[in-house]
Amino acid sequence: MDADTRTRMLAALPGWLPDPENKLIGRRFGFANFYQTMAFVDAVAEIAHAQDHHPEMLVGYDACTVSFTTHSRGGLTLNDAICAAQVSALPEATGE
């Protein structure tokens, strides 16, 4: 993905940040408790299964960090943006 496309993509995805090498995008989502965190993880899993595009997730008691990249392409693709937008739209996604 070229720099201009990446900039436009990130502008459309508030809260999502690229890594220093611009190969992935990630966002931390905060929750009140572990139950809410796991409900969010389950909802992200449904998106990942439907899109056949699976994120890296770091899960804690009251937070989950979700990161998308396309390993087969060596970096970001439109599919990463689509999945990130769908995760952001989840009712469980409060962000942080």
PDB file of N, CA and C in Angstrom:
ATOM      1  N   MET A   1       0.854  -1.172   0.000  1.00  0.00           N
ATOM      2  CA  MET A   1       0.000   0.000   0.000  1.00  0.00           C
ATOM      3  C   MET A   1       0.900   1.236   0.000  1.00  0.00           C
ATOM      4  N   ASP A   2       0.621   2.155  -0.908  1.00  0.00           N
ATOM      5  CA  ASP A   2       1.449   3.361  -0.971  1.00  0.00           C
ATOM      6  C   ASP A   2       1.097   4.320   0.170  1.00  0.00           C
ATOM      7  N   ALA A   3       1.967   5.284   0.411  1.00  0.00           N
ATOM      8  CA  ALA A   3       1.826   6.195   1.548  1.00  0.00           C
ATOM      9  C   ALA A   3       0.547   7.013   1.484  1.00  0.00           C
ATOM     10  N   ASP A   4       0.152   7.482   0.303  1.00  0.00           N
ATOM     11  CA  ASP A   4      -1.063   8.288   0.169  1.00  0.00           C
ATOM     12  C   ASP A   4      -2.304   7.466   0.508  1.00  0.00           C
ATOM     13  N   THR A   5      -2.369   6.254   0.014  1.00  0.00           N
ATOM     14  CA  THR A   5      -3.504   5.375   0.309  1.00  0.00           C
ATOM     15  C   THR A   5      -3.549   5.058   1.796  1.00  0.00           C
ATOM     16  N   ARG A   6      -2.392   4.787   2.391  1.00  0.00           N
ATOM     17  CA  ARG A   6      -2.321   4.488   3.821  1.00  0.00           C
ATOM     18  C   ARG A   6      -2.804   5.683   4.641  1.00  0.00           C
ATOM     19  N   THR A   7      -2.410   6.889   4.269  1.00  0.00           N
ATOM     20  CA  THR A   7      -2.839   8.095   4.982  1.00  0.00           C
ATOM     21  C   THR A   7      -4.352   8.257   4.917  1.00  0.00           C
ATOM     22  N   ARG A   8      -4.937   8.061   3.740  1.00  0.00           N
ATOM     23  CA  ARG A   8      -6.399   8.151   3.593  1.00  0.00           C
ATOM     24  C   ARG A   8      -7.097   7.062   4.402  1.00  0.00           C
ATOM     25  N   MET A   9      -6.546   5.862   4.391  1.00  0.00           N
ATOM     26  CA  MET A   9      -7.131   4.757   5.134  1.00  0.00           C
ATOM     27  C   MET A   9      -7.146   5.071   6.629  1.00  0.00           C
ATOM     28  N   LEU A  10      -6.018   5.540   7.154  1.00  0.00           N
ATOM     29  CA  LEU A  10      -5.943   5.836   8.583  1.00  0.00           C
ATOM     30  C   LEU A  10      -6.852   6.994   8.975  1.00  0.00           C
ATOM     31  N   ALA A  11      -7.044   7.951   8.088  1.00  0.00           N
ATOM     32  CA  ALA A  11      -7.953   9.065   8.373  1.00  0.00           C
ATOM     33  C   ALA A  11      -9.385   8.575   8.537  1.00  0.00           C
ATOM     34  N   ALA A  12      -9.721   7.489   7.872  1.00  0.00           N
ATOM     35  CA  ALA A  12     -11.070   6.927   7.951  1.00  0.00           C
ATOM     36  C   ALA A  12     -11.226   5.951   9.114  1.00  0.00           C
ATOM     37  N   LEU A  13     -10.142   5.709   9.860  1.00  0.00           N
ATOM     38  CA  LEU A  13     -10.170   4.739  10.959  1.00  0.00           C
ATOM     39  C   LEU A  13      -9.673   5.391  12.253  1.00  0.00           C
ATOM     40  N   PRO A  14     -10.493   6.237  12.877  1.00  0.00           N
ATOM     41  CA  PRO A  14     -10.061   6.910  14.102  1.00  0.00           C
ATOM     42  C   PRO A  14      -9.625   5.903  15.167  1.00  0.00           C
ATOM     43  N   GLY A  15      -8.509   6.213  15.802  1.00  0.00           N
ATOM     44  CA  GLY A  15      -8.009   5.366  16.878  1.00  0.00           C
ATOM     45  C   GLY A  15      -7.050   4.276  16.433  1.00  0.00           C
ATOM     46  N   TRP A  16      -7.043   3.964  15.153  1.00  0.00           N
ATOM     47  CA  TRP A  16      -6.137   2.936  14.628  1.00  0.00           C
ATOM     48  C   TRP A  16      -4.818   3.599  14.262  1.00  0.00           C
ATOM     49  N   LEU A  17      -3.722   2.994  14.706  1.00  0.00           N
ATOM     50  CA  LEU A  17      -2.398   3.566  14.478  1.00  0.00           C
ATOM     51  C   LEU A  17      -1.502   2.561  13.765  1.00  0.00           C
ATOM     52  N   PRO A  18      -0.626   3.047  12.890  1.00  0.00           N
ATOM     53  CA  PRO A  18       0.310   2.140  12.222  1.00  0.00           C
ATOM     54  C   PRO A  18       1.504   1.842  13.127  1.00  0.00           C
ATOM     55  N   ASP A  19       2.165   0.730  12.872  1.00  0.00           N
ATOM     56  CA  ASP A  19       3.430   0.462  13.543  1.00  0.00           C
ATOM     57  C   ASP A  19       4.510   1.323  12.870  1.00  0.00           C
ATOM     58  N   PRO A  20       5.701   1.403  13.451  1.00  0.00           N
ATOM     59  CA  PRO A  20       6.750   2.259  12.870  1.00  0.00           C
ATOM     60  C   PRO A  20       7.127   1.906  11.430  1.00  0.00           C
ATOM     61  N   GLU A  21       6.943   0.655  11.044  1.00  0.00           N
ATOM     62  CA  GLU A  21       7.293   0.241   9.687  1.00  0.00           C
ATOM     63  C   GLU A  21       6.112   0.312   8.720  1.00  0.00           C
ATOM     64  N   ASN A  22       4.953   0.760   9.214  1.00  0.00           N
ATOM     65  CA  ASN A  22       3.734   0.858   8.400  1.00  0.00           C
ATOM     66  C   ASN A  22       3.327  -0.480   7.789  1.00  0.00           C
ATOM     67  N   LYS A  23       3.520  -1.551   8.546  1.00  0.00           N
ATOM     68  CA  LYS A  23       3.152  -2.876   8.055  1.00  0.00           C
ATOM     69  C   LYS A  23       1.889  -3.410   8.722  1.00  0.00           C
ATOM     70  N   LEU A  24       1.448  -2.749   9.791  1.00  0.00           N
ATOM     71  CA  LEU A  24       0.211  -3.161  10.448  1.00  0.00           C
ATOM     72  C   LEU A  24      -0.461  -1.951  11.065  1.00  0.00           C
ATOM     73  N   ILE A  25      -1.741  -2.123  11.388  1.00  0.00           N
ATOM     74  CA  ILE A  25      -2.482  -1.105  12.128  1.00  0.00           C
ATOM     75  C   ILE A  25      -3.036  -1.765  13.378  1.00  0.00           C
ATOM     76  N   GLY A  26      -3.084  -1.006  14.461  1.00  0.00           N
ATOM     77  CA  GLY A  26      -3.579  -1.548  15.714  1.00  0.00           C
ATOM     78  C   GLY A  26      -4.366  -0.522  16.494  1.00  0.00           C
ATOM     79  N   ARG A  27      -5.186  -1.047  17.397  1.00  0.00           N
ATOM     80  CA  ARG A  27      -5.974  -0.173  18.265  1.00  0.00           C
ATOM     81  C   ARG A  27      -6.232  -0.894  19.581  1.00  0.00           C
ATOM     82  N   ARG A  28      -6.167  -0.151  20.665  1.00  0.00           N
ATOM     83  CA  ARG A  28      -6.466  -0.680  21.992  1.00  0.00           C
ATOM     84  C   ARG A  28      -7.904  -0.334  22.340  1.00  0.00           C
ATOM     85  N   PHE A  29      -8.631  -1.335  22.802  1.00  0.00           N
ATOM     86  CA  PHE A  29     -10.013  -1.164  23.233  1.00  0.00           C
ATOM     87  C   PHE A  29     -10.080  -1.453  24.726  1.00  0.00           C
ATOM     88  N   GLY A  30     -10.702  -0.550  25.490  1.00  0.00           N
ATOM     89  CA  GLY A  30     -10.806  -0.709  26.939  1.00  0.00           C
ATOM     90  C   GLY A  30     -12.205  -1.122  27.362  1.00  0.00           C
ATOM     91  N   PHE A  31     -12.281  -1.848  28.481  1.00  0.00           N
ATOM     92  CA  PHE A  31     -13.553  -2.382  28.969  1.00  0.00           C
ATOM     93  C   PHE A  31     -13.614  -2.281  30.490  1.00  0.00           C
ATOM     94  N   ALA A  32     -14.806  -2.459  31.027  1.00  0.00           N
ATOM     95  CA  ALA A  32     -15.002  -2.359  32.471  1.00  0.00           C
ATOM     96  C   ALA A  32     -14.526  -3.607  33.209  1.00  0.00           C
ATOM     97  N   ASN A  33     -14.543  -4.751  32.517  1.00  0.00           N
ATOM     98  CA  ASN A  33     -14.190  -5.999  33.194  1.00  0.00           C
ATOM     99  C   ASN A  33     -13.821  -7.076  32.171  1.00  0.00           C
ATOM    100  N   PHE A  34     -13.406  -8.230  32.678  1.00  0.00           N
ATOM    101  CA  PHE A  34     -12.964  -9.318  31.813  1.00  0.00           C
ATOM    102  C   PHE A  34     -14.109  -9.881  30.979  1.00  0.00           C
ATOM    103  N   TYR A  35     -15.299  -9.941  31.546  1.00  0.00           N
ATOM    104  CA  TYR A  35     -16.454 -10.448  30.801  1.00  0.00           C
ATOM    105  C   TYR A  35     -16.691  -9.602  29.542  1.00  0.00           C
ATOM    106  N   GLN A  36     -16.665  -8.294  29.672  1.00  0.00           N
ATOM    107  CA  GLN A  36     -16.857  -7.419  28.512  1.00  0.00           C
ATOM    108  C   GLN A  36     -15.711  -7.566  27.512  1.00  0.00           C
ATOM    109  N   THR A  37     -14.497  -7.727  28.027  1.00  0.00           N
ATOM    110  CA  THR A  37     -13.350  -7.928  27.140  1.00  0.00           C
ATOM    111  C   THR A  37     -13.538  -9.182  26.304  1.00  0.00           C
ATOM    112  N   MET A  38     -13.948 -10.273  26.945  1.00  0.00           N
ATOM    113  CA  MET A  38     -14.106 -11.538  26.226  1.00  0.00           C
ATOM    114  C   MET A  38     -15.289 -11.499  25.259  1.00  0.00           C
ATOM    115  N   ALA A  39     -16.337 -10.762  25.580  1.00  0.00           N
ATOM    116  CA  ALA A  39     -17.451 -10.601  24.637  1.00  0.00           C
ATOM    117  C   ALA A  39     -16.954  -9.894  23.374  1.00  0.00           C
ATOM    118  N   PHE A  40     -16.089  -8.907  23.558  1.00  0.00           N
ATOM    119  CA  PHE A  40     -15.492  -8.204  22.421  1.00  0.00           C
ATOM    120  C   PHE A  40     -14.616  -9.153  21.605  1.00  0.00           C
ATOM    121  N   VAL A  41     -13.782  -9.933  22.273  1.00  0.00           N
ATOM    122  CA  VAL A  41     -12.911 -10.891  21.577  1.00  0.00           C
ATOM    123  C   VAL A  41     -13.751 -11.856  20.744  1.00  0.00           C
ATOM    124  N   ASP A  42     -14.843 -12.348  21.313  1.00  0.00           N
ATOM    125  CA  ASP A  42     -15.731 -13.255  20.569  1.00  0.00           C
ATOM    126  C   ASP A  42     -16.316 -12.564  19.338  1.00  0.00           C
ATOM    127  N   ALA A  43     -16.706 -11.304  19.482  1.00  0.00           N
ATOM    128  CA  ALA A  43     -17.271 -10.563  18.349  1.00  0.00           C
ATOM    129  C   ALA A  43     -16.215 -10.341  17.262  1.00  0.00           C
ATOM    130  N   VAL A  44     -14.978 -10.055  17.666  1.00  0.00           N
ATOM    131  CA  VAL A  44     -13.892  -9.898  16.692  1.00  0.00           C
ATOM    132  C   VAL A  44     -13.645 -11.223  15.974  1.00  0.00           C
ATOM    133  N   ALA A  45     -13.727 -12.321  16.698  1.00  0.00           N
ATOM    134  CA  ALA A  45     -13.534 -13.641  16.086  1.00  0.00           C
ATOM    135  C   ALA A  45     -14.578 -13.910  15.010  1.00  0.00           C
ATOM    136  N   GLU A  46     -15.803 -13.473  15.224  1.00  0.00           N
ATOM    137  CA  GLU A  46     -16.857 -13.637  14.213  1.00  0.00           C
ATOM    138  C   GLU A  46     -16.517 -12.856  12.942  1.00  0.00           C
ATOM    139  N   ILE A  47     -16.038 -11.637  13.107  1.00  0.00           N
ATOM    140  CA  ILE A  47     -15.627 -10.830  11.948  1.00  0.00           C
ATOM    141  C   ILE A  47     -14.471 -11.512  11.224  1.00  0.00           C
ATOM    142  N   ALA A  48     -13.485 -11.946  11.983  1.00  0.00           N
ATOM    143  CA  ALA A  48     -12.311 -12.586  11.382  1.00  0.00           C
ATOM    144  C   ALA A  48     -12.704 -13.828  10.592  1.00  0.00           C
ATOM    145  N   HIS A  49     -13.597 -14.609  11.150  1.00  0.00           N
ATOM    146  CA  HIS A  49     -14.048 -15.823  10.461  1.00  0.00           C
ATOM    147  C   HIS A  49     -14.798 -15.458   9.178  1.00  0.00           C
ATOM    148  N   ALA A  50     -15.692 -14.490   9.263  1.00  0.00           N
ATOM    149  CA  ALA A  50     -16.487 -14.090   8.092  1.00  0.00           C
ATOM    150  C   ALA A  50     -15.602 -13.520   6.981  1.00  0.00           C
ATOM    151  N   GLN A  51     -14.569 -12.779   7.351  1.00  0.00           N
ATOM    152  CA  GLN A  51     -13.678 -12.148   6.373  1.00  0.00           C
ATOM    153  C   GLN A  51     -12.504 -13.052   5.982  1.00  0.00           C
ATOM    154  N   ASP A  52     -12.337 -14.156   6.708  1.00  0.00           N
ATOM    155  CA  ASP A  52     -11.171 -15.031   6.534  1.00  0.00           C
ATOM    156  C   ASP A  52      -9.882 -14.209   6.611  1.00  0.00           C
ATOM    157  N   HIS A  53      -9.852 -13.334   7.621  1.00  0.00           N
ATOM    158  CA  HIS A  53      -8.704 -12.445   7.832  1.00  0.00           C
ATOM    159  C   HIS A  53      -8.552 -12.288   9.341  1.00  0.00           C
ATOM    160  N   HIS A  54      -7.501 -12.851   9.889  1.00  0.00           N
ATOM    161  CA  HIS A  54      -7.401 -13.027  11.331  1.00  0.00           C
ATOM    162  C   HIS A  54      -6.374 -12.085  11.950  1.00  0.00           C
ATOM    163  N   PRO A  55      -6.801 -11.306  12.951  1.00  0.00           N
ATOM    164  CA  PRO A  55      -5.909 -10.339  13.580  1.00  0.00           C
ATOM    165  C   PRO A  55      -5.034 -10.978  14.653  1.00  0.00           C
ATOM    166  N   GLU A  56      -4.044 -10.232  15.062  1.00  0.00           N
ATOM    167  CA  GLU A  56      -3.318 -10.533  16.290  1.00  0.00           C
ATOM    168  C   GLU A  56      -4.089  -9.813  17.390  1.00  0.00           C
ATOM    169  N   MET A  57      -4.276 -10.487  18.526  1.00  0.00           N
ATOM    170  CA  MET A  57      -4.968  -9.857  19.649  1.00  0.00           C
ATOM    171  C   MET A  57      -4.182 -10.093  20.927  1.00  0.00           C
ATOM    172  N   LEU A  58      -4.022  -9.030  21.695  1.00  0.00           N
ATOM    173  CA  LEU A  58      -3.417  -9.099  23.012  1.00  0.00           C
ATOM    174  C   LEU A  58      -4.545  -8.822  23.999  1.00  0.00           C
ATOM    175  N   VAL A  59      -4.884  -9.829  24.797  1.00  0.00           N
ATOM    176  CA  VAL A  59      -6.057  -9.749  25.667  1.00  0.00           C
ATOM    177  C   VAL A  59      -5.619  -9.640  27.120  1.00  0.00           C
ATOM    178  N   GLY A  60      -6.192  -8.666  27.820  1.00  0.00           N
ATOM    179  CA  GLY A  60      -5.963  -8.503  29.251  1.00  0.00           C
ATOM    180  C   GLY A  60      -7.289  -8.447  29.985  1.00  0.00           C
ATOM    181  N   TYR A  61      -7.236  -8.181  31.275  1.00  0.00           N
ATOM    182  CA  TYR A  61      -8.448  -8.151  32.093  1.00  0.00           C
ATOM    183  C   TYR A  61      -9.461  -7.132  31.574  1.00  0.00           C
ATOM    184  N   ASP A  62      -8.999  -5.925  31.300  1.00  0.00           N
ATOM    185  CA  ASP A  62      -9.929  -4.851  30.939  1.00  0.00           C
ATOM    186  C   ASP A  62      -9.573  -4.179  29.615  1.00  0.00           C
ATOM    187  N   ALA A  63      -8.839  -4.887  28.764  1.00  0.00           N
ATOM    188  CA  ALA A  63      -8.451  -4.299  27.477  1.00  0.00           C
ATOM    189  C   ALA A  63      -8.081  -5.388  26.476  1.00  0.00           C
ATOM    190  N   CYS A  64      -8.193  -5.023  25.207  1.00  0.00           N
ATOM    191  CA  CYS A  64      -7.764  -5.898  24.121  1.00  0.00           C
ATOM    192  C   CYS A  64      -7.175  -5.012  23.028  1.00  0.00           C
ATOM    193  N   THR A  65      -5.971  -5.341  22.601  1.00  0.00           N
ATOM    194  CA  THR A  65      -5.356  -4.651  21.475  1.00  0.00           C
ATOM    195  C   THR A  65      -5.488  -5.539  20.250  1.00  0.00           C
ATOM    196  N   VAL A  66      -6.036  -4.981  19.182  1.00  0.00           N
ATOM    197  CA  VAL A  66      -6.268  -5.712  17.937  1.00  0.00           C
ATOM    198  C   VAL A  66      -5.356  -5.120  16.868  1.00  0.00           C
ATOM    199  N   SER A  67      -4.651  -5.987  16.147  1.00  0.00           N
ATOM    200  CA  SER A  67      -3.760  -5.545  15.068  1.00  0.00           C
ATOM    201  C   SER A  67      -4.044  -6.334  13.804  1.00  0.00           C
ATOM    202  N   PHE A  68      -4.084  -5.624  12.689  1.00  0.00           N
ATOM    203  CA  PHE A  68      -4.292  -6.257  11.387  1.00  0.00           C
ATOM    204  C   PHE A  68      -3.108  -5.994  10.472  1.00  0.00           C
ATOM    205  N   THR A  69      -2.731  -7.004   9.714  1.00  0.00           N
ATOM    206  CA  THR A  69      -1.767  -6.920   8.630  1.00  0.00           C
ATOM    207  C   THR A  69      -2.089  -8.048   7.661  1.00  0.00           C
ATOM    208  N   THR A  70      -1.547  -7.973   6.480  1.00  0.00           N
ATOM    209  CA  THR A  70      -1.723  -9.058   5.514  1.00  0.00           C
ATOM    210  C   THR A  70      -0.348  -9.660   5.266  1.00  0.00           C
ATOM    211  N   HIS A  71      -0.074 -10.759   5.957  1.00  0.00           N
ATOM    212  CA  HIS A  71       1.250 -11.384   5.898  1.00  0.00           C
ATOM    213  C   HIS A  71       1.632 -11.768   4.475  1.00  0.00           C
ATOM    214  N   SER A  72       0.666 -12.277   3.719  1.00  0.00           N
ATOM    215  CA  SER A  72       0.969 -12.737   2.356  1.00  0.00           C
ATOM    216  C   SER A  72       1.370 -11.590   1.428  1.00  0.00           C
ATOM    217  N   ARG A  73       1.014 -10.360   1.797  1.00  0.00           N
ATOM    218  CA  ARG A  73       1.368  -9.186   0.981  1.00  0.00           C
ATOM    219  C   ARG A  73       2.482  -8.363   1.626  1.00  0.00           C
ATOM    220  N   GLY A  74       2.915  -8.781   2.802  1.00  0.00           N
ATOM    221  CA  GLY A  74       4.016  -8.087   3.468  1.00  0.00           C
ATOM    222  C   GLY A  74       3.655  -6.744   4.061  1.00  0.00           C
ATOM    223  N   GLY A  75       2.374  -6.515   4.340  1.00  0.00           N
ATOM    224  CA  GLY A  75       1.975  -5.236   4.925  1.00  0.00           C
ATOM    225  C   GLY A  75       0.487  -5.006   4.830  1.00  0.00           C
ATOM    226  N   LEU A  76       0.110  -3.745   4.811  1.00  0.00           N
ATOM    227  CA  LEU A  76      -1.297  -3.357   4.841  1.00  0.00           C
ATOM    228  C   LEU A  76      -1.972  -3.502   3.487  1.00  0.00           C
ATOM    229  N   THR A  77      -3.244  -3.914   3.543  1.00  0.00           N
ATOM    230  CA  THR A  77      -4.081  -4.000   2.352  1.00  0.00           C
ATOM    231  C   THR A  77      -5.462  -3.451   2.688  1.00  0.00           C
ATOM    232  N   LEU A  78      -6.284  -3.324   1.675  1.00  0.00           N
ATOM    233  CA  LEU A  78      -7.656  -2.866   1.877  1.00  0.00           C
ATOM    234  C   LEU A  78      -8.404  -3.773   2.845  1.00  0.00           C
ATOM    235  N   ASN A  79      -8.132  -5.062   2.825  1.00  0.00           N
ATOM    236  CA  ASN A  79      -8.815  -5.988   3.722  1.00  0.00           C
ATOM    237  C   ASN A  79      -8.542  -5.655   5.188  1.00  0.00           C
ATOM    238  N   ASP A  80      -7.345  -5.169   5.497  1.00  0.00           N
ATOM    239  CA  ASP A  80      -7.040  -4.747   6.864  1.00  0.00           C
ATOM    240  C   ASP A  80      -7.942  -3.590   7.278  1.00  0.00           C
ATOM    241  N   ALA A  81      -8.128  -2.634   6.378  1.00  0.00           N
ATOM    242  CA  ALA A  81      -8.988  -1.480   6.664  1.00  0.00           C
ATOM    243  C   ALA A  81     -10.439  -1.903   6.826  1.00  0.00           C
ATOM    244  N   ILE A  82     -10.899  -2.811   5.994  1.00  0.00           N
ATOM    245  CA  ILE A  82     -12.280  -3.295   6.086  1.00  0.00           C
ATOM    246  C   ILE A  82     -12.509  -3.959   7.436  1.00  0.00           C
ATOM    247  N   CYS A  83     -11.597  -4.831   7.820  1.00  0.00           N
ATOM    248  CA  CYS A  83     -11.751  -5.528   9.096  1.00  0.00           C
ATOM    249  C   CYS A  83     -11.656  -4.559  10.273  1.00  0.00           C
ATOM    250  N   ALA A  84     -10.733  -3.609  10.214  1.00  0.00           N
ATOM    251  CA  ALA A  84     -10.604  -2.625  11.287  1.00  0.00           C
ATOM    252  C   ALA A  84     -11.883  -1.804  11.426  1.00  0.00           C
ATOM    253  N   ALA A  85     -12.468  -1.405  10.318  1.00  0.00           N
ATOM    254  CA  ALA A  85     -13.721  -0.639  10.363  1.00  0.00           C
ATOM    255  C   ALA A  85     -14.841  -1.470  10.968  1.00  0.00           C
ATOM    256  N   GLN A  86     -14.905  -2.744  10.630  1.00  0.00           N
ATOM    257  CA  GLN A  86     -15.946  -3.608  11.187  1.00  0.00           C
ATOM    258  C   GLN A  86     -15.750  -3.805  12.686  1.00  0.00           C
ATOM    259  N   VAL A  87     -14.513  -3.947  13.130  1.00  0.00           N
ATOM    260  CA  VAL A  87     -14.242  -4.076  14.564  1.00  0.00           C
ATOM    261  C   VAL A  87     -14.636  -2.788  15.282  1.00  0.00           C
ATOM    262  N   SER A  88     -14.288  -1.643  14.720  1.00  0.00           N
ATOM    263  CA  SER A  88     -14.640  -0.360  15.343  1.00  0.00           C
ATOM    264  C   SER A  88     -16.144  -0.164  15.453  1.00  0.00           C
ATOM    265  N   ALA A  89     -16.899  -0.761  14.543  1.00  0.00           N
ATOM    266  CA  ALA A  89     -18.352  -0.600  14.535  1.00  0.00           C
ATOM    267  C   ALA A  89     -19.068  -1.531  15.509  1.00  0.00           C
ATOM    268  N   LEU A  90     -18.350  -2.450  16.136  1.00  0.00           N
ATOM    269  CA  LEU A  90     -18.990  -3.363  17.083  1.00  0.00           C
ATOM    270  C   LEU A  90     -19.591  -2.586  18.251  1.00  0.00           C
ATOM    271  N   PRO A  91     -20.779  -2.975  18.690  1.00  0.00           N
ATOM    272  CA  PRO A  91     -21.363  -2.315  19.862  1.00  0.00           C
ATOM    273  C   PRO A  91     -20.475  -2.453  21.101  1.00  0.00           C
ATOM    274  N   GLU A  92     -19.703  -3.539  21.166  1.00  0.00           N
ATOM    275  CA  GLU A  92     -18.817  -3.777  22.305  1.00  0.00           C
ATOM    276  C   GLU A  92     -17.577  -2.902  22.283  1.00  0.00           C
ATOM    277  N   ALA A  93     -17.281  -2.279  21.138  1.00  0.00           N
ATOM    278  CA  ALA A  93     -16.029  -1.532  20.965  1.00  0.00           C
ATOM    279  C   ALA A  93     -16.141  -0.145  21.577  1.00  0.00           C
ATOM    280  N   THR A  94     -15.570   0.021  22.755  1.00  0.00           N
ATOM    281  CA  THR A  94     -15.610   1.328  23.402  1.00  0.00           C
ATOM    282  C   THR A  94     -14.370   2.147  23.102  1.00  0.00           C
ATOM    283  N   GLY A  95     -13.291   1.485  22.690  1.00  0.00           N
ATOM    284  CA  GLY A  95     -12.053   2.201  22.398  1.00  0.00           C
ATOM    285  C   GLY A  95     -11.363   2.678  23.649  1.00  0.00           C
ATOM    286  N   GLU A  96     -10.168   3.178  23.464  1.00  0.00           N
ATOM    287  CA  GLU A  96      -9.419   3.745  24.583  1.00  0.00           C
ATOM    288  C   GLU A  96      -8.192   4.442  24.078  1.00  0.00           C
TER     289      GLU A  96
END
